[in-house]
């Protein structure tokens, strides 16, 4: 009777939530009695202290009372719950590693939770190697490359977006001040040169985040401002429409641990521009 511990499965949670949904799908297929514990169920937001405490209490009691045999944590930060449990009642657990949250400097609690895990696995060879290099002695990290779910006949039909031309370059990803390594700034900087070569080229940035206002302001100051468009958050049907309309997908990131958006773009037949400085090489 395994348990998946996740931040949220809500689509607004970005790539971390999407990976959690994939893990939950596989767990349910293999274990009919699997249970799910999420910190919150609605749109992604910084977890409040009451939410954190309730999440920790639920996981702790499940292990103490024998209501789970082992726990799979979909994010390293969540696994710190295990530090509060003594060895006799602490169930075996695994931690899925996404990338930058695990290869950056870790606090003592995160390092302890990672080193105690019975299984550490990551989304790519790149992430596994980088985490082990950054934290010698934590133990082996097994790469487990991601995949898209099987095609679903009931998936929403693509919804095209008005005003997208034949030479649109699409960027998909959360625009967060803490994740400025994804390449949005560099694409805005480069866009005047792109437009000078391809006059009807468009840069279409899909996604939300706390860094959107700054990027909008930067784009508005560009000489290619009229060729840069922000869509805001898009649902699955709109995203499928954008993939179908774009000519190229670009995410010249310097810090992706994997990047499921590359798979989504390739599944739609789009050529992808990535980086040689992160896991785009693996993908």
Protein backbone atom coordinates (compact mmCIF):
# COMPACT_ATOMS: atom_id res chain seq x y z
CA UNK A 1 0.00 0.00 0.00
CA UNK A 2 2.18 2.87 -1.25
CA UNK A 3 1.53 6.58 -0.84
CA UNK A 4 2.38 9.39 -3.24
CA UNK A 5 3.21 12.64 -1.45
CA UNK A 6 2.92 15.63 -3.79
CA UNK A 7 2.65 19.41 -3.57
CA UNK A 8 -0.36 19.51 -5.92
CA UNK A 9 -1.69 17.82 -9.03
CA UNK A 10 -3.35 21.01 -10.25
CA UNK A 11 -2.39 21.98 -13.85
CA UNK A 12 -1.39 25.46 -12.69
CA UNK A 13 1.43 23.85 -10.72
CA UNK A 14 3.63 23.65 -13.81
CA UNK A 15 6.10 20.88 -14.59
CA UNK A 16 6.42 19.67 -10.98
CA UNK A 17 2.66 19.08 -10.82
CA UNK A 18 2.67 17.39 -14.23
CA UNK A 19 5.37 14.97 -13.07
CA UNK A 20 3.33 14.29 -9.93
CA UNK A 21 0.33 13.42 -12.10
CA UNK A 22 2.50 11.03 -14.14
CA UNK A 23 3.82 9.37 -10.98
CA UNK A 24 0.28 9.04 -9.63
CA UNK A 25 -0.92 7.47 -12.88
CA UNK A 26 1.84 4.85 -12.79
CA UNK A 27 1.39 4.16 -9.08
CA UNK A 28 -2.34 3.54 -9.49
CA UNK A 29 -1.73 1.24 -12.46
CA UNK A 30 0.70 -0.87 -10.43
CA UNK A 31 -0.96 -0.64 -7.00
CA UNK A 32 -4.75 -0.50 -6.79
CA UNK A 33 -4.54 0.38 -3.10
CA UNK A 34 -2.22 3.38 -3.57
CA UNK A 35 -3.12 6.53 -1.66
CA UNK A 36 -2.46 10.19 -2.45
CA UNK A 37 -1.47 13.01 -0.11
CA UNK A 38 -1.21 16.54 -1.51
CA UNK A 39 -0.30 19.74 0.29
CA UNK A 40 -3.14 21.55 -1.48
CA UNK A 41 -5.58 20.67 -4.25
CA UNK A 42 -6.34 23.99 -5.93
CA UNK A 43 -4.31 26.37 -8.10
CA UNK A 44 -0.61 26.57 -7.34
CA UNK A 45 0.35 29.00 -4.59
CA UNK A 46 2.98 29.21 -1.84
CA UNK A 47 1.95 26.74 0.82
CA UNK A 48 0.73 28.27 4.07
CA UNK A 49 2.02 27.07 7.42
CA UNK A 50 -1.31 25.39 8.29
CA UNK A 51 -1.19 23.51 4.95
CA UNK A 52 2.37 22.38 5.62
CA UNK A 53 1.53 21.26 9.15
CA UNK A 54 -1.59 19.38 8.04
CA UNK A 55 0.35 17.66 5.24
CA UNK A 56 3.14 16.60 7.61
CA UNK A 57 0.70 15.37 10.24
CA UNK A 58 -1.25 13.28 7.71
CA UNK A 59 1.91 11.61 6.37
CA UNK A 60 3.34 11.05 9.82
CA UNK A 61 0.17 9.45 11.18
CA UNK A 62 -0.19 7.22 8.10
CA UNK A 63 3.26 5.77 8.80
CA UNK A 64 2.90 5.52 12.58
CA UNK A 65 -0.49 3.78 12.26
CA UNK A 66 0.69 1.42 9.53
CA UNK A 67 -1.64 2.81 6.84
CA UNK A 68 1.09 2.87 4.22
CA UNK A 69 3.97 0.53 3.39
CA UNK A 70 6.19 3.03 1.62
CA UNK A 71 6.11 6.63 0.45
CA UNK A 72 7.08 8.22 -2.84
CA UNK A 73 7.84 11.94 -2.53
CA UNK A 74 7.39 13.83 -5.79
CA UNK A 75 9.64 16.68 -4.60
CA UNK A 76 12.65 16.82 -2.29
CA UNK A 77 11.22 19.58 -0.11
CA UNK A 78 8.35 17.31 0.96
CA UNK A 79 10.63 14.49 2.07
CA UNK A 80 11.82 16.50 5.08
CA UNK A 81 8.73 15.11 6.85
CA UNK A 82 10.68 11.86 7.27
CA UNK A 83 13.27 13.53 9.47
CA UNK A 84 10.71 13.82 12.28
CA UNK A 85 10.06 10.08 12.39
CA UNK A 86 12.22 7.65 14.39
CA UNK A 87 13.64 4.73 12.45
CA UNK A 88 11.27 2.07 13.93
CA UNK A 89 8.16 3.76 12.48
CA UNK A 90 9.65 5.55 9.46
CA UNK A 91 8.53 3.68 6.35
CA UNK A 92 10.85 3.15 3.36
CA UNK A 93 10.68 6.09 1.01
CA UNK A 94 11.79 7.32 -2.39
CA UNK A 95 12.42 10.87 -3.62
CA UNK A 96 11.99 12.12 -7.17
CA UNK A 97 14.48 14.85 -8.11
CA UNK A 98 13.62 17.46 -10.73
CA UNK A 99 16.83 19.44 -11.05
CA UNK A 100 17.82 22.80 -9.65
CA UNK A 101 16.08 22.23 -6.30
CA UNK A 102 18.39 19.28 -5.69
CA UNK A 103 21.73 20.29 -7.20
CA UNK A 104 21.84 23.73 -5.55
CA UNK A 105 23.00 24.17 -1.95
CA UNK A 106 20.83 22.12 0.40
CA UNK A 107 19.88 22.82 3.98
CA UNK A 108 20.73 20.27 6.64
CA UNK A 109 17.16 18.93 6.72
CA UNK A 110 17.00 18.45 2.94
CA UNK A 111 20.40 16.76 2.86
CA UNK A 112 19.40 14.40 5.68
CA UNK A 113 16.11 13.49 3.98
CA UNK A 114 17.92 12.86 0.69
CA UNK A 115 20.68 10.73 2.19
CA UNK A 116 18.22 8.60 4.21
CA UNK A 117 16.01 7.81 1.20
CA UNK A 118 15.85 4.17 0.16
CA UNK A 119 15.67 5.27 -3.48
CA UNK A 120 16.66 8.52 -5.16
CA UNK A 121 15.69 8.90 -8.79
CA UNK A 122 15.73 11.79 -11.21
CA UNK A 123 14.21 12.89 -14.48
CA UNK A 124 17.43 12.62 -16.53
CA UNK A 125 21.03 11.42 -16.53
CA UNK A 126 22.04 15.08 -16.45
CA UNK A 127 20.14 15.71 -13.20
CA UNK A 128 21.39 12.49 -11.59
CA UNK A 129 25.02 13.27 -12.34
CA UNK A 130 24.76 16.91 -11.32
CA UNK A 131 23.09 16.08 -7.99
CA UNK A 132 25.70 13.42 -7.15
CA UNK A 133 28.52 15.81 -8.09
CA UNK A 134 27.05 18.62 -5.99
CA UNK A 135 26.42 16.40 -2.96
CA UNK A 136 29.04 13.64 -2.65
CA UNK A 137 28.07 10.96 -0.19
CA UNK A 138 24.29 11.17 -0.52
CA UNK A 139 24.19 7.88 -2.39
CA UNK A 140 23.26 6.78 -5.88
CA UNK A 141 20.71 8.73 -7.92
CA UNK A 142 19.02 6.59 -10.57
CA UNK A 143 17.94 8.35 -13.80
CA UNK A 144 14.33 7.76 -14.82
CA UNK A 145 13.65 9.79 -18.00
CA UNK A 146 10.15 11.17 -18.28
CA UNK A 147 7.57 10.46 -20.95
CA UNK A 148 4.22 11.83 -22.01
CA UNK A 149 1.06 9.92 -21.12
CA UNK A 150 -0.42 7.76 -23.88
CA UNK A 151 -2.60 9.66 -26.33
CA UNK A 152 -6.08 10.10 -24.95
CA UNK A 153 -8.98 10.02 -27.39
CA UNK A 154 -10.97 12.13 -24.93
CA UNK A 155 -8.33 14.88 -24.81
CA UNK A 156 -9.72 18.33 -25.61
CA UNK A 157 -9.62 19.37 -29.25
CA UNK A 158 -6.99 22.00 -30.03
CA UNK A 159 -8.28 25.56 -29.77
CA UNK A 160 -6.32 27.84 -32.14
CA UNK A 161 -5.44 31.32 -30.94
CA UNK A 162 -6.25 34.31 -33.11
CA UNK A 163 -3.39 36.32 -34.54
CA UNK A 164 -0.75 33.60 -34.59
CA UNK A 165 1.11 33.69 -37.91
CA UNK A 166 3.08 31.04 -39.83
CA UNK A 167 6.45 32.11 -38.41
CA UNK A 168 5.63 31.98 -34.69
CA UNK A 169 8.26 30.80 -32.22
CA UNK A 170 6.58 29.37 -29.13
CA UNK A 171 7.94 29.40 -25.57
CA UNK A 172 6.01 27.47 -22.89
CA UNK A 173 6.86 27.67 -19.23
CA UNK A 174 6.28 29.41 -15.96
CA UNK A 175 7.89 32.84 -15.81
CA UNK A 176 9.19 33.05 -12.27
CA UNK A 177 11.72 35.46 -10.78
CA UNK A 178 13.45 32.44 -9.25
CA UNK A 179 13.72 30.68 -12.65
CA UNK A 180 15.18 33.33 -14.94
CA UNK A 181 17.53 30.71 -16.37
CA UNK A 182 14.83 29.53 -18.81
CA UNK A 183 15.82 31.98 -21.56
CA UNK A 184 12.87 34.36 -21.84
CA UNK A 185 15.14 37.38 -21.44
CA UNK A 186 17.57 36.16 -24.08
CA UNK A 187 14.78 35.58 -26.60
CA UNK A 188 13.40 39.08 -26.07
CA UNK A 189 16.91 40.49 -26.48
CA UNK A 190 17.41 38.56 -29.72
CA UNK A 191 14.01 39.30 -31.23
CA UNK A 192 14.88 42.52 -33.11
CA UNK A 193 17.56 40.59 -35.00
CA UNK A 194 15.11 37.77 -35.74
CA UNK A 195 12.52 40.20 -37.08
CA UNK A 196 15.14 41.90 -39.24
CA UNK A 197 15.72 38.54 -40.93
CA UNK A 198 12.10 37.27 -40.85
CA UNK A 199 9.79 40.33 -40.78
CA UNK A 200 6.64 38.44 -39.81
CA UNK A 201 8.30 36.38 -37.05
CA UNK A 202 6.41 36.32 -33.76
CA UNK A 203 7.63 35.42 -30.28
CA UNK A 204 4.74 33.84 -28.37
CA UNK A 205 5.28 33.33 -24.64
CA UNK A 206 2.73 31.05 -22.98
CA UNK A 207 2.46 30.74 -19.22
CA UNK A 208 2.05 32.75 -16.06
CA UNK A 209 4.22 33.60 -13.09
CA UNK A 210 5.43 36.44 -10.92
CA UNK A 211 8.03 37.55 -13.47
CA UNK A 212 5.51 38.24 -16.24
CA UNK A 213 5.13 41.97 -15.46
CA UNK A 214 8.88 42.55 -15.69
CA UNK A 215 9.16 40.60 -18.94
CA UNK A 216 6.17 42.44 -20.41
CA UNK A 217 7.83 45.75 -19.58
CA UNK A 218 11.08 44.61 -21.17
CA UNK A 219 9.28 43.42 -24.30
CA UNK A 220 7.36 46.72 -24.56
CA UNK A 221 10.68 48.59 -24.63
CA UNK A 222 12.04 46.41 -27.46
CA UNK A 223 12.13 47.69 -31.03
CA UNK A 224 10.35 44.44 -31.86
CA UNK A 225 7.61 44.99 -29.27
CA UNK A 226 4.74 44.44 -31.71
CA UNK A 227 6.14 41.00 -32.58
CA UNK A 228 6.24 39.74 -28.97
CA UNK A 229 3.07 38.34 -27.44
CA UNK A 230 2.23 37.05 -23.94
CA UNK A 231 -0.74 34.69 -23.79
CA UNK A 232 -0.95 34.23 -20.02
CA UNK A 233 -1.89 30.85 -18.61
CA UNK A 234 -3.38 28.54 -21.26
CA UNK A 235 -5.38 25.38 -20.67
CA UNK A 236 -4.68 22.05 -22.40
CA UNK A 237 -6.90 22.78 -25.40
CA UNK A 238 -5.30 26.19 -25.99
CA UNK A 239 -1.80 24.78 -25.54
CA UNK A 240 -2.49 22.05 -28.08
CA UNK A 241 -3.69 24.75 -30.43
CA UNK A 242 -0.50 26.77 -29.98
CA UNK A 243 1.68 23.73 -30.63
CA UNK A 244 -0.27 23.20 -33.84
CA UNK A 245 0.12 26.82 -34.97
CA UNK A 246 3.79 27.47 -34.14
CA UNK A 247 6.67 26.91 -36.53
CA UNK A 248 9.37 26.38 -33.89
CA UNK A 249 9.57 25.70 -30.16
CA UNK A 250 12.32 27.44 -28.18
CA UNK A 251 13.45 27.08 -24.59
CA UNK A 252 17.14 28.07 -24.49
CA UNK A 253 17.38 27.34 -20.78
CA UNK A 254 20.55 26.96 -18.74
CA UNK A 255 19.03 24.93 -15.93
CA UNK A 256 16.34 22.44 -17.02
CA UNK A 257 16.52 19.10 -15.25
CA UNK A 258 14.46 17.62 -18.08
CA UNK A 259 11.76 19.76 -19.72
CA UNK A 260 8.53 17.93 -20.60
CA UNK A 261 7.63 20.83 -22.87
CA UNK A 262 10.29 19.62 -25.32
CA UNK A 263 8.44 16.28 -25.56
CA UNK A 264 5.11 18.02 -26.03
CA UNK A 265 6.56 20.15 -28.81
CA UNK A 266 8.19 17.17 -30.54
CA UNK A 267 4.96 15.18 -30.27
CA UNK A 268 3.32 18.04 -32.17
CA UNK A 269 6.01 17.86 -34.85
CA UNK A 270 7.81 21.05 -33.88
CA UNK A 271 11.58 21.47 -34.21
CA UNK A 272 13.04 22.52 -30.86
CA UNK A 273 15.73 24.99 -29.88
CA UNK A 274 17.32 24.04 -26.58
CA UNK A 275 20.65 24.45 -24.84
CA UNK A 276 23.84 22.46 -24.50
CA UNK A 277 24.09 23.59 -20.86
CA UNK A 278 21.32 21.48 -19.34
CA UNK A 279 19.23 18.34 -19.79
CA UNK A 280 17.95 19.38 -23.22
CA UNK A 281 20.95 17.37 -24.45
CA UNK A 282 19.42 14.22 -22.91
CA UNK A 283 15.98 14.94 -24.32
